[in-house]
């Protein structure tokens, strides 16, 4: 179980770069338009949910957390309004930014205490 915990720690150590990359991509997407706040909020929430569930799995809480963690991106796609490809880009980037933000918070709170 120690190996799987190291996976979460390794990802958390790279989370700041993911957050910065997502912010840069948000800036590029904002120039092109197509922002739907509902899609962004839903996708960021699904990304955060996925990160929390996968962290629970990596900390030995059970395999069902892994299955639900991998299923969370489906929520973002199923419940988003996707009239064009640009909307899908917003959804995907929002998902990864939510995921990265949770990992960054994990690093700043939990890993600092160890």
PDB file of N, CA and C in Angstrom:
ATOM      1  N   UNK A   1       0.821  -1.195   0.000  1.00  0.00           N
ATOM      2  CA  UNK A   1       0.000   0.000   0.000  1.00  0.00           C
ATOM      3  C   UNK A   1       0.864   1.259   0.000  1.00  0.00           C
ATOM      4  N   UNK A   2       2.077   1.128   0.480  1.00  0.00           N
ATOM      5  CA  UNK A   2       2.973   2.277   0.511  1.00  0.00           C
ATOM      6  C   UNK A   2       3.271   2.782  -0.890  1.00  0.00           C
ATOM      7  N   UNK A   3       3.357   1.875  -1.881  1.00  0.00           N
ATOM      8  CA  UNK A   3       3.637   2.270  -3.260  1.00  0.00           C
ATOM      9  C   UNK A   3       2.510   3.123  -3.826  1.00  0.00           C
ATOM     10  N   UNK A   4       1.258   2.747  -3.557  1.00  0.00           N
ATOM     11  CA  UNK A   4       0.146   3.520  -4.105  1.00  0.00           C
ATOM     12  C   UNK A   4       0.060   4.892  -3.449  1.00  0.00           C
ATOM     13  N   UNK A   5       0.429   4.982  -2.197  1.00  0.00           N
ATOM     14  CA  UNK A   5       0.438   6.287  -1.522  1.00  0.00           C
ATOM     15  C   UNK A   5       1.477   7.217  -2.152  1.00  0.00           C
ATOM     16  N   UNK A   6       2.590   6.637  -2.581  1.00  0.00           N
ATOM     17  CA  UNK A   6       3.633   7.434  -3.235  1.00  0.00           C
ATOM     18  C   UNK A   6       3.162   7.994  -4.574  1.00  0.00           C
ATOM     19  N   UNK A   7       2.227   7.307  -5.223  1.00  0.00           N
ATOM     20  CA  UNK A   7       1.678   7.812  -6.476  1.00  0.00           C
ATOM     21  C   UNK A   7       0.961   9.128  -6.226  1.00  0.00           C
ATOM     22  N   UNK A   8       0.129   9.176  -5.189  1.00  0.00           N
ATOM     23  CA  UNK A   8      -0.574  10.414  -4.843  1.00  0.00           C
ATOM     24  C   UNK A   8       0.380  11.527  -4.466  1.00  0.00           C
ATOM     25  N   UNK A   9       1.418  11.194  -3.727  1.00  0.00           N
ATOM     26  CA  UNK A   9       2.402  12.206  -3.337  1.00  0.00           C
ATOM     27  C   UNK A   9       3.181  12.715  -4.541  1.00  0.00           C
ATOM     28  N   UNK A  10       3.503  11.820  -5.454  1.00  0.00           N
ATOM     29  CA  UNK A  10       4.229  12.218  -6.657  1.00  0.00           C
ATOM     30  C   UNK A  10       3.389  13.158  -7.517  1.00  0.00           C
ATOM     31  N   UNK A  11       2.117  12.835  -7.673  1.00  0.00           N
ATOM     32  CA  UNK A  11       1.227  13.716  -8.429  1.00  0.00           C
ATOM     33  C   UNK A  11       1.028  15.050  -7.724  1.00  0.00           C
ATOM     34  N   UNK A  12       0.926  15.021  -6.422  1.00  0.00           N
ATOM     35  CA  UNK A  12       0.735  16.260  -5.660  1.00  0.00           C
ATOM     36  C   UNK A  12       1.942  17.174  -5.787  1.00  0.00           C
ATOM     37  N   UNK A  13       3.126  16.595  -5.886  1.00  0.00           N
ATOM     38  CA  UNK A  13       4.323  17.418  -6.040  1.00  0.00           C
ATOM     39  C   UNK A  13       4.373  18.132  -7.388  1.00  0.00           C
ATOM     40  N   UNK A  14       3.674  17.602  -8.381  1.00  0.00           N
ATOM     41  CA  UNK A  14       3.644  18.222  -9.701  1.00  0.00           C
ATOM     42  C   UNK A  14       2.397  19.076  -9.910  1.00  0.00           C
ATOM     43  N   UNK A  15       1.537  19.177  -8.924  1.00  0.00           N
ATOM     44  CA  UNK A  15       0.242  19.843  -9.073  1.00  0.00           C
ATOM     45  C   UNK A  15       0.376  21.327  -9.389  1.00  0.00           C
ATOM     46  N   UNK A  16       1.381  21.989  -8.865  1.00  0.00           N
ATOM     47  CA  UNK A  16       1.526  23.424  -9.128  1.00  0.00           C
ATOM     48  C   UNK A  16       1.747  23.677 -10.614  1.00  0.00           C
ATOM     49  N   UNK A  17       2.484  22.803 -11.270  1.00  0.00           N
ATOM     50  CA  UNK A  17       2.720  22.956 -12.711  1.00  0.00           C
ATOM     51  C   UNK A  17       1.436  22.713 -13.489  1.00  0.00           C
ATOM     52  N   UNK A  18       0.628  21.790 -13.029  1.00  0.00           N
ATOM     53  CA  UNK A  18      -0.650  21.535 -13.683  1.00  0.00           C
ATOM     54  C   UNK A  18      -1.590  22.723 -13.534  1.00  0.00           C
ATOM     55  N   UNK A  19      -1.612  23.328 -12.351  1.00  0.00           N
ATOM     56  CA  UNK A  19      -2.460  24.507 -12.126  1.00  0.00           C
ATOM     57  C   UNK A  19      -2.007  25.651 -13.035  1.00  0.00           C
ATOM     58  N   UNK A  20      -0.723  25.881 -13.110  1.00  0.00           N
ATOM     59  CA  UNK A  20      -0.211  26.956 -13.972  1.00  0.00           C
ATOM     60  C   UNK A  20      -0.496  26.683 -15.444  1.00  0.00           C
ATOM     61  N   UNK A  21      -0.367  25.442 -15.861  1.00  0.00           N
ATOM     62  CA  UNK A  21      -0.671  25.085 -17.257  1.00  0.00           C
ATOM     63  C   UNK A  21      -2.148  25.286 -17.564  1.00  0.00           C
ATOM     64  N   UNK A  22      -3.005  24.901 -16.625  1.00  0.00           N
ATOM     65  CA  UNK A  22      -4.445  25.090 -16.830  1.00  0.00           C
ATOM     66  C   UNK A  22      -4.796  26.571 -16.895  1.00  0.00           C
ATOM     67  N   UNK A  23      -4.158  27.380 -16.080  1.00  0.00           N
ATOM     68  CA  UNK A  23      -4.405  28.829 -16.124  1.00  0.00           C
ATOM     69  C   UNK A  23      -3.983  29.416 -17.470  1.00  0.00           C
ATOM     70  N   UNK A  24      -2.851  28.962 -17.991  1.00  0.00           N
ATOM     71  CA  UNK A  24      -2.399  29.427 -19.306  1.00  0.00           C
ATOM     72  C   UNK A  24      -3.390  29.011 -20.390  1.00  0.00           C
ATOM     73  N   UNK A  25      -3.886  27.793 -20.316  1.00  0.00           N
ATOM     74  CA  UNK A  25      -4.860  27.337 -21.293  1.00  0.00           C
ATOM     75  C   UNK A  25      -6.188  28.072 -21.146  1.00  0.00           C
ATOM     76  N   UNK A  26      -6.571  28.397 -19.898  1.00  0.00           N
ATOM     77  CA  UNK A  26      -7.782  29.209 -19.696  1.00  0.00           C
ATOM     78  C   UNK A  26      -7.641  30.561 -20.385  1.00  0.00           C
ATOM     79  N   UNK A  27      -6.464  31.153 -20.307  1.00  0.00           N
ATOM     80  CA  UNK A  27      -6.237  32.446 -20.963  1.00  0.00           C
ATOM     81  C   UNK A  27      -6.380  32.314 -22.474  1.00  0.00           C
ATOM     82  N   UNK A  28      -5.851  31.259 -23.038  1.00  0.00           N
ATOM     83  CA  UNK A  28      -5.967  31.033 -24.479  1.00  0.00           C
ATOM     84  C   UNK A  28      -7.426  30.795 -24.862  1.00  0.00           C
ATOM     85  N   UNK A  29      -8.133  29.988 -24.083  1.00  0.00           N
ATOM     86  CA  UNK A  29      -9.537  29.722 -24.374  1.00  0.00           C
ATOM     87  C   UNK A  29     -10.401  30.966 -24.221  1.00  0.00           C
ATOM     88  N   UNK A  30     -10.056  31.818 -23.268  1.00  0.00           N
ATOM     89  CA  UNK A  30     -10.839  33.038 -23.045  1.00  0.00           C
ATOM     90  C   UNK A  30     -10.759  33.975 -24.245  1.00  0.00           C
ATOM     91  N   UNK A  31      -9.631  33.990 -24.922  1.00  0.00           N
ATOM     92  CA  UNK A  31      -9.488  34.820 -26.116  1.00  0.00           C
ATOM     93  C   UNK A  31     -10.444  34.347 -27.211  1.00  0.00           C
ATOM     94  N   UNK A  32     -10.649  33.041 -27.292  1.00  0.00           N
ATOM     95  CA  UNK A  32     -11.504  32.465 -28.320  1.00  0.00           C
ATOM     96  C   UNK A  32     -12.982  32.463 -27.952  1.00  0.00           C
ATOM     97  N   UNK A  33     -13.304  32.751 -26.698  1.00  0.00           N
ATOM     98  CA  UNK A  33     -14.697  32.808 -26.264  1.00  0.00           C
ATOM     99  C   UNK A  33     -15.260  31.445 -25.939  1.00  0.00           C
ATOM    100  N   UNK A  34     -16.574  31.363 -25.913  1.00  0.00           N
ATOM    101  CA  UNK A  34     -17.256  30.103 -25.653  1.00  0.00           C
ATOM    102  C   UNK A  34     -17.362  29.721 -24.196  1.00  0.00           C
ATOM    103  N   UNK A  35     -17.181  30.665 -23.280  1.00  0.00           N
ATOM    104  CA  UNK A  35     -17.237  30.352 -21.852  1.00  0.00           C
ATOM    105  C   UNK A  35     -18.666  30.064 -21.412  1.00  0.00           C
ATOM    106  N   UNK A  36     -18.839  28.978 -20.708  1.00  0.00           N
ATOM    107  CA  UNK A  36     -20.103  28.617 -20.077  1.00  0.00           C
ATOM    108  C   UNK A  36     -19.775  28.327 -18.612  1.00  0.00           C
ATOM    109  N   UNK A  37     -20.159  29.246 -17.740  1.00  0.00           N
ATOM    110  CA  UNK A  37     -19.807  29.133 -16.319  1.00  0.00           C
ATOM    111  C   UNK A  37     -20.333  27.833 -15.711  1.00  0.00           C
ATOM    112  N   UNK A  38     -21.510  27.416 -16.119  1.00  0.00           N
ATOM    113  CA  UNK A  38     -22.068  26.160 -15.599  1.00  0.00           C
ATOM    114  C   UNK A  38     -21.199  24.965 -15.947  1.00  0.00           C
ATOM    115  N   UNK A  39     -20.726  24.925 -17.187  1.00  0.00           N
ATOM    116  CA  UNK A  39     -19.830  23.836 -17.604  1.00  0.00           C
ATOM    117  C   UNK A  39     -18.528  23.852 -16.816  1.00  0.00           C
ATOM    118  N   UNK A  40     -17.979  25.045 -16.640  1.00  0.00           N
ATOM    119  CA  UNK A  40     -16.705  25.171 -15.917  1.00  0.00           C
ATOM    120  C   UNK A  40     -16.864  24.724 -14.464  1.00  0.00           C
ATOM    121  N   UNK A  41     -17.920  25.162 -13.810  1.00  0.00           N
ATOM    122  CA  UNK A  41     -18.140  24.787 -12.404  1.00  0.00           C
ATOM    123  C   UNK A  41     -18.380  23.287 -12.260  1.00  0.00           C
ATOM    124  N   UNK A  42     -19.202  22.729 -13.141  1.00  0.00           N
ATOM    125  CA  UNK A  42     -19.482  21.298 -13.089  1.00  0.00           C
ATOM    126  C   UNK A  42     -18.218  20.481 -13.336  1.00  0.00           C
ATOM    127  N   UNK A  43     -17.435  20.879 -14.318  1.00  0.00           N
ATOM    128  CA  UNK A  43     -16.221  20.130 -14.650  1.00  0.00           C
ATOM    129  C   UNK A  43     -15.161  20.248 -13.564  1.00  0.00           C
ATOM    130  N   UNK A  44     -14.991  21.442 -13.016  1.00  0.00           N
ATOM    131  CA  UNK A  44     -14.024  21.612 -11.930  1.00  0.00           C
ATOM    132  C   UNK A  44     -14.453  20.796 -10.710  1.00  0.00           C
ATOM    133  N   UNK A  45     -15.744  20.770 -10.433  1.00  0.00           N
ATOM    134  CA  UNK A  45     -16.256  19.950  -9.330  1.00  0.00           C
ATOM    135  C   UNK A  45     -16.040  18.463  -9.568  1.00  0.00           C
ATOM    136  N   UNK A  46     -16.261  18.021 -10.812  1.00  0.00           N
ATOM    137  CA  UNK A  46     -16.031  16.608 -11.138  1.00  0.00           C
ATOM    138  C   UNK A  46     -14.544  16.275 -11.043  1.00  0.00           C
ATOM    139  N   UNK A  47     -13.683  17.211 -11.430  1.00  0.00           N
ATOM    140  CA  UNK A  47     -12.246  16.996 -11.295  1.00  0.00           C
ATOM    141  C   UNK A  47     -11.829  16.892  -9.838  1.00  0.00           C
ATOM    142  N   UNK A  48     -12.382  17.759  -9.004  1.00  0.00           N
ATOM    143  CA  UNK A  48     -12.098  17.701  -7.572  1.00  0.00           C
ATOM    144  C   UNK A  48     -12.601  16.409  -6.954  1.00  0.00           C
ATOM    145  N   UNK A  49     -13.799  15.997  -7.355  1.00  0.00           N
ATOM    146  CA  UNK A  49     -14.358  14.742  -6.856  1.00  0.00           C
ATOM    147  C   UNK A  49     -13.478  13.560  -7.259  1.00  0.00           C
ATOM    148  N   UNK A  50     -13.036  13.573  -8.494  1.00  0.00           N
ATOM    149  CA  UNK A  50     -12.164  12.501  -8.973  1.00  0.00           C
ATOM    150  C   UNK A  50     -10.861  12.453  -8.177  1.00  0.00           C
ATOM    151  N   UNK A  51     -10.280  13.614  -7.909  1.00  0.00           N
ATOM    152  CA  UNK A  51      -9.033  13.660  -7.141  1.00  0.00           C
ATOM    153  C   UNK A  51      -9.236  13.129  -5.724  1.00  0.00           C
ATOM    154  N   UNK A  52     -10.313  13.524  -5.088  1.00  0.00           N
ATOM    155  CA  UNK A  52     -10.594  13.073  -3.719  1.00  0.00           C
ATOM    156  C   UNK A  52     -10.789  11.552  -3.694  1.00  0.00           C
ATOM    157  N   UNK A  53     -11.540  11.036  -4.657  1.00  0.00           N
ATOM    158  CA  UNK A  53     -11.779   9.592  -4.692  1.00  0.00           C
ATOM    159  C   UNK A  53     -10.501   8.806  -4.982  1.00  0.00           C
ATOM    160  N   UNK A  54      -9.680   9.310  -5.890  1.00  0.00           N
ATOM    161  CA  UNK A  54      -8.434   8.611  -6.180  1.00  0.00           C
ATOM    162  C   UNK A  54      -7.441   8.721  -5.020  1.00  0.00           C
ATOM    163  N   UNK A  55      -7.432   9.838  -4.321  1.00  0.00           N
ATOM    164  CA  UNK A  55      -6.587   9.942  -3.128  1.00  0.00           C
ATOM    165  C   UNK A  55      -7.028   8.944  -2.058  1.00  0.00           C
ATOM    166  N   UNK A  56      -8.336   8.775  -1.923  1.00  0.00           N
ATOM    167  CA  UNK A  56      -8.837   7.782  -0.970  1.00  0.00           C
ATOM    168  C   UNK A  56      -8.378   6.382  -1.356  1.00  0.00           C
ATOM    169  N   UNK A  57      -8.431   6.079  -2.645  1.00  0.00           N
ATOM    170  CA  UNK A  57      -7.943   4.776  -3.103  1.00  0.00           C
ATOM    171  C   UNK A  57      -6.457   4.626  -2.832  1.00  0.00           C
ATOM    172  N   UNK A  58      -5.672   5.647  -3.138  1.00  0.00           N
ATOM    173  CA  UNK A  58      -4.228   5.582  -2.957  1.00  0.00           C
ATOM    174  C   UNK A  58      -3.840   5.477  -1.486  1.00  0.00           C
ATOM    175  N   UNK A  59      -4.761   5.844  -0.597  1.00  0.00           N
ATOM    176  CA  UNK A  59      -4.498   5.718   0.838  1.00  0.00           C
ATOM    177  C   UNK A  59      -5.113   4.444   1.423  1.00  0.00           C
ATOM    178  N   UNK A  60      -5.493   3.521   0.548  1.00  0.00           N
ATOM    179  CA  UNK A  60      -5.929   2.206   0.997  1.00  0.00           C
ATOM    180  C   UNK A  60      -7.349   2.115   1.501  1.00  0.00           C
ATOM    181  N   UNK A  61      -8.242   2.957   1.039  1.00  0.00           N
ATOM    182  CA  UNK A  61      -9.623   2.935   1.523  1.00  0.00           C
ATOM    183  C   UNK A  61     -10.516   1.971   0.747  1.00  0.00           C
ATOM    184  N   UNK A  62     -10.020   1.397  -0.340  1.00  0.00           N
ATOM    185  CA  UNK A  62     -10.805   0.404  -1.064  1.00  0.00           C
ATOM    186  C   UNK A  62     -10.823   0.643  -2.556  1.00  0.00           C
ATOM    187  N   UNK A  63     -11.014  -0.440  -3.298  1.00  0.00           N
ATOM    188  CA  UNK A  63     -10.997  -0.387  -4.745  1.00  0.00           C
ATOM    189  C   UNK A  63     -12.184   0.314  -5.361  1.00  0.00           C
ATOM    190  N   UNK A  64     -13.303   0.383  -4.653  1.00  0.00           N
ATOM    191  CA  UNK A  64     -14.468   1.070  -5.215  1.00  0.00           C
ATOM    192  C   UNK A  64     -14.196   2.563  -5.403  1.00  0.00           C
ATOM    193  N   UNK A  65     -13.317   3.135  -4.583  1.00  0.00           N
ATOM    194  CA  UNK A  65     -12.953   4.544  -4.760  1.00  0.00           C
ATOM    195  C   UNK A  65     -12.234   4.746  -6.093  1.00  0.00           C
ATOM    196  N   UNK A  66     -11.465   3.759  -6.508  1.00  0.00           N
ATOM    197  CA  UNK A  66     -10.776   3.834  -7.794  1.00  0.00           C
ATOM    198  C   UNK A  66     -11.783   3.848  -8.945  1.00  0.00           C
ATOM    199  N   UNK A  67     -12.765   2.962  -8.880  1.00  0.00           N
ATOM    200  CA  UNK A  67     -13.778   2.875  -9.940  1.00  0.00           C
ATOM    201  C   UNK A  67     -14.567   4.174 -10.020  1.00  0.00           C
ATOM    202  N   UNK A  68     -15.014   4.683  -8.877  1.00  0.00           N
ATOM    203  CA  UNK A  68     -15.786   5.926  -8.881  1.00  0.00           C
ATOM    204  C   UNK A  68     -14.925   7.120  -9.282  1.00  0.00           C
ATOM    205  N   UNK A  69     -13.658   7.099  -8.906  1.00  0.00           N
ATOM    206  CA  UNK A  69     -12.746   8.176  -9.278  1.00  0.00           C
ATOM    207  C   UNK A  69     -12.528   8.248 -10.775  1.00  0.00           C
ATOM    208  N   UNK A  70     -12.464   7.094 -11.418  1.00  0.00           N
ATOM    209  CA  UNK A  70     -12.312   7.071 -12.865  1.00  0.00           C
ATOM    210  C   UNK A  70     -13.623   7.383 -13.580  1.00  0.00           C
ATOM    211  N   UNK A  71     -14.725   7.173 -12.913  1.00  0.00           N
ATOM    212  CA  UNK A  71     -16.030   7.475 -13.513  1.00  0.00           C
ATOM    213  C   UNK A  71     -16.436   8.933 -13.399  1.00  0.00           C
ATOM    214  N   UNK A  72     -15.783   9.688 -12.533  1.00  0.00           N
ATOM    215  CA  UNK A  72     -16.148  11.089 -12.322  1.00  0.00           C
ATOM    216  C   UNK A  72     -16.036  11.956 -13.577  1.00  0.00           C
ATOM    217  N   UNK A  73     -15.039  11.752 -14.459  1.00  0.00           N
ATOM    218  CA  UNK A  73     -15.001  12.583 -15.678  1.00  0.00           C
ATOM    219  C   UNK A  73     -16.236  12.400 -16.553  1.00  0.00           C
ATOM    220  N   UNK A  74     -16.845  11.224 -16.460  1.00  0.00           N
ATOM    221  CA  UNK A  74     -18.063  10.997 -17.225  1.00  0.00           C
ATOM    222  C   UNK A  74     -19.166  11.956 -16.810  1.00  0.00           C
ATOM    223  N   UNK A  75     -19.217  12.289 -15.533  1.00  0.00           N
ATOM    224  CA  UNK A  75     -20.219  13.251 -15.059  1.00  0.00           C
ATOM    225  C   UNK A  75     -20.056  14.596 -15.746  1.00  0.00           C
ATOM    226  N   UNK A  76     -18.811  15.026 -15.892  1.00  0.00           N
ATOM    227  CA  UNK A  76     -18.553  16.320 -16.515  1.00  0.00           C
ATOM    228  C   UNK A  76     -19.005  16.326 -17.970  1.00  0.00           C
ATOM    229  N   UNK A  77     -18.788  15.237 -18.672  1.00  0.00           N
ATOM    230  CA  UNK A  77     -19.170  15.165 -20.082  1.00  0.00           C
ATOM    231  C   UNK A  77     -20.680  14.985 -20.233  1.00  0.00           C
ATOM    232  N   UNK A  78     -21.272  14.122 -19.409  1.00  0.00           N
ATOM    233  CA  UNK A  78     -22.696  13.822 -19.556  1.00  0.00           C
ATOM    234  C   UNK A  78     -23.595  15.020 -19.271  1.00  0.00           C
ATOM    235  N   UNK A  79     -23.232  15.836 -18.299  1.00  0.00           N
ATOM    236  CA  UNK A  79     -24.122  16.908 -17.880  1.00  0.00           C
ATOM    237  C   UNK A  79     -23.717  18.286 -18.397  1.00  0.00           C
ATOM    238  N   UNK A  80     -22.757  18.352 -19.294  1.00  0.00           N
ATOM    239  CA  UNK A  80     -22.318  19.625 -19.862  1.00  0.00           C
ATOM    240  C   UNK A  80     -23.026  19.891 -21.184  1.00  0.00           C
ATOM    241  N   UNK A  81     -23.211  21.158 -21.469  1.00  0.00           N
ATOM    242  CA  UNK A  81     -23.728  21.558 -22.778  1.00  0.00           C
ATOM    243  C   UNK A  81     -22.528  21.719 -23.699  1.00  0.00           C
ATOM    244  N   UNK A  82     -22.493  20.928 -24.754  1.00  0.00           N
ATOM    245  CA  UNK A  82     -21.330  20.905 -25.638  1.00  0.00           C
ATOM    246  C   UNK A  82     -21.752  21.198 -27.081  1.00  0.00           C
ATOM    247  N   UNK A  83     -22.055  22.461 -27.383  1.00  0.00           N
ATOM    248  CA  UNK A  83     -22.472  22.781 -28.751  1.00  0.00           C
ATOM    249  C   UNK A  83     -21.329  22.776 -29.764  1.00  0.00           C
ATOM    250  N   UNK A  84     -20.099  22.949 -29.305  1.00  0.00           N
ATOM    251  CA  UNK A  84     -18.962  22.976 -30.230  1.00  0.00           C
ATOM    252  C   UNK A  84     -17.715  22.435 -29.534  1.00  0.00           C
ATOM    253  N   UNK A  85     -16.652  22.331 -30.298  1.00  0.00           N
ATOM    254  CA  UNK A  85     -15.402  21.777 -29.768  1.00  0.00           C
ATOM    255  C   UNK A  85     -14.794  22.671 -28.701  1.00  0.00           C
ATOM    256  N   UNK A  86     -14.973  23.980 -28.829  1.00  0.00           N
ATOM    257  CA  UNK A  86     -14.413  24.906 -27.845  1.00  0.00           C
ATOM    258  C   UNK A  86     -15.028  24.676 -26.459  1.00  0.00           C
ATOM    259  N   UNK A  87     -16.302  24.355 -26.428  1.00  0.00           N
ATOM    260  CA  UNK A  87     -16.949  24.047 -25.148  1.00  0.00           C
ATOM    261  C   UNK A  87     -16.351  22.799 -24.520  1.00  0.00           C
ATOM    262  N   UNK A  88     -16.039  21.821 -25.344  1.00  0.00           N
ATOM    263  CA  UNK A  88     -15.397  20.609 -24.835  1.00  0.00           C
ATOM    264  C   UNK A  88     -14.013  20.920 -24.282  1.00  0.00           C
ATOM    265  N   UNK A  89     -13.289  21.823 -24.922  1.00  0.00           N
ATOM    266  CA  UNK A  89     -11.970  22.221 -24.418  1.00  0.00           C
ATOM    267  C   UNK A  89     -12.092  22.878 -23.047  1.00  0.00           C
ATOM    268  N   UNK A  90     -13.123  23.719 -22.865  1.00  0.00           N
ATOM    269  CA  UNK A  90     -13.358  24.326 -21.555  1.00  0.00           C
ATOM    270  C   UNK A  90     -13.645  23.255 -20.503  1.00  0.00           C
ATOM    271  N   UNK A  91     -14.455  22.272 -20.861  1.00  0.00           N
ATOM    272  CA  UNK A  91     -14.821  21.208 -19.912  1.00  0.00           C
ATOM    273  C   UNK A  91     -13.591  20.393 -19.522  1.00  0.00           C
ATOM    274  N   UNK A  92     -12.790  20.002 -20.498  1.00  0.00           N
ATOM    275  CA  UNK A  92     -11.611  19.187 -20.208  1.00  0.00           C
ATOM    276  C   UNK A  92     -10.611  19.965 -19.361  1.00  0.00           C
ATOM    277  N   UNK A  93     -10.354  21.209 -19.720  1.00  0.00           N
ATOM    278  CA  UNK A  93      -9.400  22.014 -18.953  1.00  0.00           C
ATOM    279  C   UNK A  93      -9.917  22.286 -17.542  1.00  0.00           C
ATOM    280  N   UNK A  94     -11.208  22.513 -17.407  1.00  0.00           N
ATOM    281  CA  UNK A  94     -11.788  22.739 -16.076  1.00  0.00           C
ATOM    282  C   UNK A  94     -11.677  21.495 -15.211  1.00  0.00           C
ATOM    283  N   UNK A  95     -11.894  20.319 -15.816  1.00  0.00           N
ATOM    284  CA  UNK A  95     -11.754  19.074 -15.070  1.00  0.00           C
ATOM    285  C   UNK A  95     -10.340  18.938 -14.522  1.00  0.00           C
ATOM    286  N   UNK A  96      -9.347  19.140 -15.381  1.00  0.00           N
ATOM    287  CA  UNK A  96      -7.967  18.981 -14.936  1.00  0.00           C
ATOM    288  C   UNK A  96      -7.557  20.075 -13.949  1.00  0.00           C
ATOM    289  N   UNK A  97      -8.111  21.263 -14.077  1.00  0.00           N
ATOM    290  CA  UNK A  97      -7.775  22.309 -13.099  1.00  0.00           C
ATOM    291  C   UNK A  97      -8.380  21.977 -11.739  1.00  0.00           C
ATOM    292  N   UNK A  98      -9.601  21.450 -11.707  1.00  0.00           N
ATOM    293  CA  UNK A  98     -10.192  21.018 -10.437  1.00  0.00           C
ATOM    294  C   UNK A  98      -9.403  19.894  -9.802  1.00  0.00           C
ATOM    295  N   UNK A  99      -8.972  18.945 -10.620  1.00  0.00           N
ATOM    296  CA  UNK A  99      -8.162  17.831 -10.138  1.00  0.00           C
ATOM    297  C   UNK A  99      -6.846  18.343  -9.567  1.00  0.00           C
ATOM    298  N   UNK A 100      -6.189  19.232 -10.311  1.00  0.00           N
ATOM    299  CA  UNK A 100      -4.892  19.756  -9.879  1.00  0.00           C
ATOM    300  C   UNK A 100      -5.021  20.621  -8.623  1.00  0.00           C
ATOM    301  N   UNK A 101      -6.101  21.388  -8.513  1.00  0.00           N
ATOM    302  CA  UNK A 101      -6.286  22.219  -7.316  1.00  0.00           C
ATOM    303  C   UNK A 101      -6.448  21.369  -6.062  1.00  0.00           C
ATOM    304  N   UNK A 102      -7.186  20.282  -6.166  1.00  0.00           N
ATOM    305  CA  UNK A 102      -7.342  19.392  -5.006  1.00  0.00           C
ATOM    306  C   UNK A 102      -6.006  18.763  -4.642  1.00  0.00           C
ATOM    307  N   UNK A 103      -5.239  18.341  -5.638  1.00  0.00           N
ATOM    308  CA  UNK A 103      -3.919  17.773  -5.342  1.00  0.00           C
ATOM    309  C   UNK A 103      -2.990  18.812  -4.724  1.00  0.00           C
ATOM    310  N   UNK A 104      -3.093  20.053  -5.181  1.00  0.00           N
ATOM    311  CA  UNK A 104      -2.278  21.118  -4.597  1.00  0.00           C
ATOM    312  C   UNK A 104      -2.682  21.375  -3.147  1.00  0.00           C
ATOM    313  N   UNK A 105      -3.976  21.402  -2.880  1.00  0.00           N
ATOM    314  CA  UNK A 105      -4.439  21.564  -1.492  1.00  0.00           C
ATOM    315  C   UNK A 105      -3.996  20.396  -0.627  1.00  0.00           C
ATOM    316  N   UNK A 106      -4.039  19.192  -1.188  1.00  0.00           N
ATOM    317  CA  UNK A 106      -3.561  18.007  -0.475  1.00  0.00           C
ATOM    318  C   UNK A 106      -2.088  18.163  -0.112  1.00  0.00           C
ATOM    319  N   UNK A 107      -1.310  18.640  -1.070  1.00  0.00           N
ATOM    320  CA  UNK A 107       0.112  18.822  -0.813  1.00  0.00           C
ATOM    321  C   UNK A 107       0.344  19.876   0.259  1.00  0.00           C
ATOM    322  N   UNK A 108      -0.377  20.977   0.190  1.00  0.00           N
ATOM    323  CA  UNK A 108      -0.163  22.080   1.129  1.00  0.00           C
ATOM    324  C   UNK A 108      -0.662  21.773   2.539  1.00  0.00           C
ATOM    325  N   UNK A 109      -1.647  20.905   2.669  1.00  0.00           N
ATOM    326  CA  UNK A 109      -2.186  20.606   4.002  1.00  0.00           C
ATOM    327  C   UNK A 109      -1.655  19.296   4.571  1.00  0.00           C
ATOM    328  N   UNK A 110      -1.918  18.221   3.882  1.00  0.00           N
ATOM    329  CA  UNK A 110      -1.611  16.887   4.431  1.00  0.00           C
ATOM    330  C   UNK A 110      -0.118  16.582   4.384  1.00  0.00           C
ATOM    331  N   UNK A 111       0.511  16.819   3.237  1.00  0.00           N
ATOM    332  CA  UNK A 111       1.909  16.433   3.113  1.00  0.00           C
ATOM    333  C   UNK A 111       2.829  17.350   3.936  1.00  0.00           C
ATOM    334  N   UNK A 112       2.416  18.563   4.207  1.00  0.00           N
ATOM    335  CA  UNK A 112       3.232  19.465   5.037  1.00  0.00           C
ATOM    336  C   UNK A 112       3.273  19.004   6.491  1.00  0.00           C
ATOM    337  N   UNK A 113       2.228  18.330   6.933  1.00  0.00           N
ATOM    338  CA  UNK A 113       2.156  17.868   8.322  1.00  0.00           C
ATOM    339  C   UNK A 113       3.046  16.659   8.580  1.00  0.00           C
ATOM    340  N   UNK A 114       3.452  15.967   7.521  1.00  0.00           N
ATOM    341  CA  UNK A 114       4.243  14.740   7.703  1.00  0.00           C
ATOM    342  C   UNK A 114       5.707  15.028   7.869  1.00  0.00           C
TER     343      UNK A 114
END
